[in-house]
Amino acid sequence: MGSSGSGKFTDYSGAKKTDGTGGSSGSDRCSQAFSAKLEEIEQCDFFSANNTVPAADTVLSIMLEGRIFATNGNGMKIGALPTSLNYLAGCLKEGKTYVGVVTESGLQPFAFITADFTPQ
């Protein structure tokens, strides 16, 4: 399981490429709400410090730091967003912000977090 492409944000629709390929579907994905199952939870700050996951209804935001991460109110990374949402990097660079909430979390059979996000 994994991603294909060059590993650059220009692999995703909506990103401008210098070779004339790519583009958008006409809808503004930066203004759409989305849900995500977070990844790399056990490697993130929150899990390392607390050996658990945030509870449901925990308020989140997202940040770009090499990869796009969900963070809690203290700025601690709680999980990475899936690469299918990498188009959000361009949205963040344009100044768009997102607020989210943990909708489901747990430790069994492994650490998991699902969250809903809306643009601000």
C-alpha atoms as a PDB file:
ATOM      1  CA  MET A   1       0.000   0.000   0.000  1.00  0.00           C
ATOM      2  CA  GLY A   2       1.301   3.463  -0.780  1.00  0.00           C
ATOM      3  CA  SER A   3       1.253   6.428  -3.065  1.00  0.00           C
ATOM      4  CA  SER A   4       2.526   6.810  -6.568  1.00  0.00           C
ATOM      5  CA  GLY A   5       3.895   9.944  -8.153  1.00  0.00           C
ATOM      6  CA  SER A   6       6.921  12.120  -7.747  1.00  0.00           C
ATOM      7  CA  GLY A   7       6.223  12.970  -4.118  1.00  0.00           C
ATOM      8  CA  LYS A   8       5.599  16.620  -5.016  1.00  0.00           C
ATOM      9  CA  PHE A   9       2.407  18.547  -4.421  1.00  0.00           C
ATOM     10  CA  THR A  10       2.132  19.146  -8.174  1.00  0.00           C
ATOM     11  CA  ASP A  11       1.089  15.487  -8.547  1.00  0.00           C
ATOM     12  CA  TYR A  12      -2.356  16.459  -7.303  1.00  0.00           C
ATOM     13  CA  SER A  13      -5.143  18.019  -9.307  1.00  0.00           C
ATOM     14  CA  GLY A  14      -5.390  21.762  -8.897  1.00  0.00           C
ATOM     15  CA  ALA A  15      -1.661  22.304  -8.503  1.00  0.00           C
ATOM     16  CA  LYS A  16      -0.024  24.321 -11.240  1.00  0.00           C
ATOM     17  CA  LYS A  17       2.679  22.528 -13.210  1.00  0.00           C
ATOM     18  CA  THR A  18       5.189  24.163 -15.510  1.00  0.00           C
ATOM     19  CA  ASP A  19       4.662  21.546 -18.245  1.00  0.00           C
ATOM     20  CA  GLY A  20       1.020  22.518 -18.811  1.00  0.00           C
ATOM     21  CA  THR A  21      -0.449  19.316 -17.337  1.00  0.00           C
ATOM     22  CA  GLY A  22      -2.662  19.130 -14.280  1.00  0.00           C
ATOM     23  CA  GLY A  23      -5.410  21.530 -13.385  1.00  0.00           C
ATOM     24  CA  SER A  24      -8.645  21.566 -11.501  1.00  0.00           C
ATOM     25  CA  SER A  25     -12.150  20.302 -11.977  1.00  0.00           C
ATOM     26  CA  GLY A  26     -13.647  23.771 -11.552  1.00  0.00           C
ATOM     27  CA  SER A  27     -14.687  23.257  -7.920  1.00  0.00           C
ATOM     28  CA  ASP A  28     -12.804  24.949  -5.106  1.00  0.00           C
ATOM     29  CA  ARG A  29     -11.633  22.013  -3.018  1.00  0.00           C
ATOM     30  CA  CYS A  30     -10.063  24.410  -0.500  1.00  0.00           C
ATOM     31  CA  SER A  31     -13.565  25.530   0.518  1.00  0.00           C
ATOM     32  CA  GLN A  32     -14.942  22.028   1.071  1.00  0.00           C
ATOM     33  CA  ALA A  33     -15.271  20.185   4.371  1.00  0.00           C
ATOM     34  CA  PHE A  34     -13.644  16.759   4.585  1.00  0.00           C
ATOM     35  CA  SER A  35     -13.194  13.741   6.847  1.00  0.00           C
ATOM     36  CA  ALA A  36      -9.931  11.911   7.384  1.00  0.00           C
ATOM     37  CA  LYS A  37      -8.554   8.813   9.049  1.00  0.00           C
ATOM     38  CA  LEU A  38      -5.261  10.043  10.463  1.00  0.00           C
ATOM     39  CA  GLU A  39      -2.008   8.198   9.897  1.00  0.00           C
ATOM     40  CA  GLU A  40       1.304   7.806  11.784  1.00  0.00           C
ATOM     41  CA  ILE A  41      -0.504   8.420  15.071  1.00  0.00           C
ATOM     42  CA  GLU A  42       1.940   6.482  17.239  1.00  0.00           C
ATOM     43  CA  GLN A  43       4.897   8.471  15.844  1.00  0.00           C
ATOM     44  CA  CYS A  44       3.330  11.853  16.668  1.00  0.00           C
ATOM     45  CA  ASP A  45       3.928  14.126  19.661  1.00  0.00           C
ATOM     46  CA  PHE A  46       0.585  13.549  21.396  1.00  0.00           C
ATOM     47  CA  PHE A  47       0.846   9.760  21.462  1.00  0.00           C
ATOM     48  CA  SER A  48       4.523   9.871  22.463  1.00  0.00           C
ATOM     49  CA  ALA A  49       3.770  12.161  25.407  1.00  0.00           C
ATOM     50  CA  ASN A  50       0.517  10.535  26.578  1.00  0.00           C
ATOM     51  CA  ASN A  51       0.618   6.951  25.271  1.00  0.00           C
ATOM     52  CA  THR A  52      -2.993   7.386  24.153  1.00  0.00           C
ATOM     53  CA  VAL A  53      -5.094   9.182  21.551  1.00  0.00           C
ATOM     54  CA  PRO A  54      -7.241  12.314  22.000  1.00  0.00           C
ATOM     55  CA  ALA A  55     -10.873  11.730  22.989  1.00  0.00           C
ATOM     56  CA  ALA A  56     -13.829  12.283  20.701  1.00  0.00           C
ATOM     57  CA  ASP A  57     -14.837  15.962  20.419  1.00  0.00           C
ATOM     58  CA  THR A  58     -11.229  17.173  20.794  1.00  0.00           C
ATOM     59  CA  VAL A  59     -10.838  20.325  18.665  1.00  0.00           C
ATOM     60  CA  LEU A  60      -8.146  20.163  15.977  1.00  0.00           C
ATOM     61  CA  SER A  61      -6.446  22.298  13.358  1.00  0.00           C
ATOM     62  CA  ILE A  62      -4.060  21.379  10.557  1.00  0.00           C
ATOM     63  CA  MET A  63      -0.530  22.508   9.783  1.00  0.00           C
ATOM     64  CA  LEU A  64       1.972  21.942   7.020  1.00  0.00           C
ATOM     65  CA  GLU A  65       5.372  20.768   8.212  1.00  0.00           C
ATOM     66  CA  GLY A  66       6.810  18.696   5.382  1.00  0.00           C
ATOM     67  CA  ARG A  67       3.563  16.735   5.545  1.00  0.00           C
ATOM     68  CA  ILE A  68       0.095  17.876   6.622  1.00  0.00           C
ATOM     69  CA  PHE A  69      -0.609  17.123  10.300  1.00  0.00           C
ATOM     70  CA  ALA A  70      -3.622  17.467  12.547  1.00  0.00           C
ATOM     71  CA  THR A  71      -2.756  19.249  15.796  1.00  0.00           C
ATOM     72  CA  ASN A  72      -4.575  19.770  19.069  1.00  0.00           C
ATOM     73  CA  GLY A  73      -5.149  23.109  20.822  1.00  0.00           C
ATOM     74  CA  ASN A  74      -1.610  23.024  22.246  1.00  0.00           C
ATOM     75  CA  GLY A  75      -0.081  22.598  18.782  1.00  0.00           C
ATOM     76  CA  MET A  76       0.896  18.967  19.403  1.00  0.00           C
ATOM     77  CA  LYS A  77       0.803  16.772  16.308  1.00  0.00           C
ATOM     78  CA  ILE A  78      -1.730  13.977  16.720  1.00  0.00           C
ATOM     79  CA  GLY A  79      -1.614  12.394  13.265  1.00  0.00           C
ATOM     80  CA  ALA A  80      -0.795  12.943   9.610  1.00  0.00           C
ATOM     81  CA  LEU A  81      -3.500  13.470   7.016  1.00  0.00           C
ATOM     82  CA  PRO A  82      -3.547  10.883   4.212  1.00  0.00           C
ATOM     83  CA  THR A  83      -1.624  11.823   1.068  1.00  0.00           C
ATOM     84  CA  SER A  84      -4.901  11.882  -0.865  1.00  0.00           C
ATOM     85  CA  LEU A  85      -5.455  15.235   0.884  1.00  0.00           C
ATOM     86  CA  ASN A  86      -2.094  16.736  -0.141  1.00  0.00           C
ATOM     87  CA  TYR A  87      -3.926  19.332  -2.243  1.00  0.00           C
ATOM     88  CA  LEU A  88      -4.553  21.042   1.117  1.00  0.00           C
ATOM     89  CA  ALA A  89      -0.888  22.113   1.151  1.00  0.00           C
ATOM     90  CA  GLY A  90      -1.685  24.655  -1.556  1.00  0.00           C
ATOM     91  CA  CYS A  91      -4.761  25.796   0.356  1.00  0.00           C
ATOM     92  CA  LEU A  92      -2.700  26.290   3.522  1.00  0.00           C
ATOM     93  CA  LYS A  93      -0.016  28.197   1.597  1.00  0.00           C
ATOM     94  CA  GLU A  94      -2.741  30.512   0.271  1.00  0.00           C
ATOM     95  CA  GLY A  95      -3.772  31.280   3.871  1.00  0.00           C
ATOM     96  CA  LYS A  96      -6.764  28.964   4.237  1.00  0.00           C
ATOM     97  CA  THR A  97      -7.235  27.541   7.735  1.00  0.00           C
ATOM     98  CA  TYR A  98      -9.229  24.545   8.914  1.00  0.00           C
ATOM     99  CA  VAL A  99     -10.798  23.576  12.210  1.00  0.00           C
ATOM    100  CA  GLY A 100     -11.725  20.024  13.014  1.00  0.00           C
ATOM    101  CA  VAL A 101     -13.031  17.704  15.656  1.00  0.00           C
ATOM    102  CA  VAL A 102     -12.155  14.119  16.549  1.00  0.00           C
ATOM    103  CA  THR A 103     -15.210  12.020  15.682  1.00  0.00           C
ATOM    104  CA  GLU A 104     -13.798   8.638  16.708  1.00  0.00           C
ATOM    105  CA  SER A 105     -10.626   7.410  18.383  1.00  0.00           C
ATOM    106  CA  GLY A 106      -9.280   4.372  20.155  1.00  0.00           C
ATOM    107  CA  LEU A 107      -6.341   2.059  20.780  1.00  0.00           C
ATOM    108  CA  GLN A 108      -7.686  -1.339  19.683  1.00  0.00           C
ATOM    109  CA  PRO A 109      -6.705  -3.141  17.537  1.00  0.00           C
ATOM    110  CA  PHE A 110      -4.239  -0.251  16.959  1.00  0.00           C
ATOM    111  CA  ALA A 111      -4.263   3.506  17.547  1.00  0.00           C
ATOM    112  CA  PHE A 112      -6.818   5.206  15.297  1.00  0.00           C
ATOM    113  CA  ILE A 113      -8.325   8.675  14.940  1.00  0.00           C
ATOM    114  CA  THR A 114     -11.023   9.868  12.566  1.00  0.00           C
ATOM    115  CA  ALA A 115     -11.775  13.577  12.303  1.00  0.00           C
ATOM    116  CA  ASP A 116     -14.028  15.991  10.407  1.00  0.00           C
ATOM    117  CA  PHE A 117     -12.624  19.330   9.209  1.00  0.00           C
ATOM    118  CA  THR A 118     -14.194  22.511   7.851  1.00  0.00           C
ATOM    119  CA  PRO A 119     -12.537  25.528   6.236  1.00  0.00           C
ATOM    120  CA  GLN A 120     -12.575  28.825   8.098  1.00  0.00           C
END
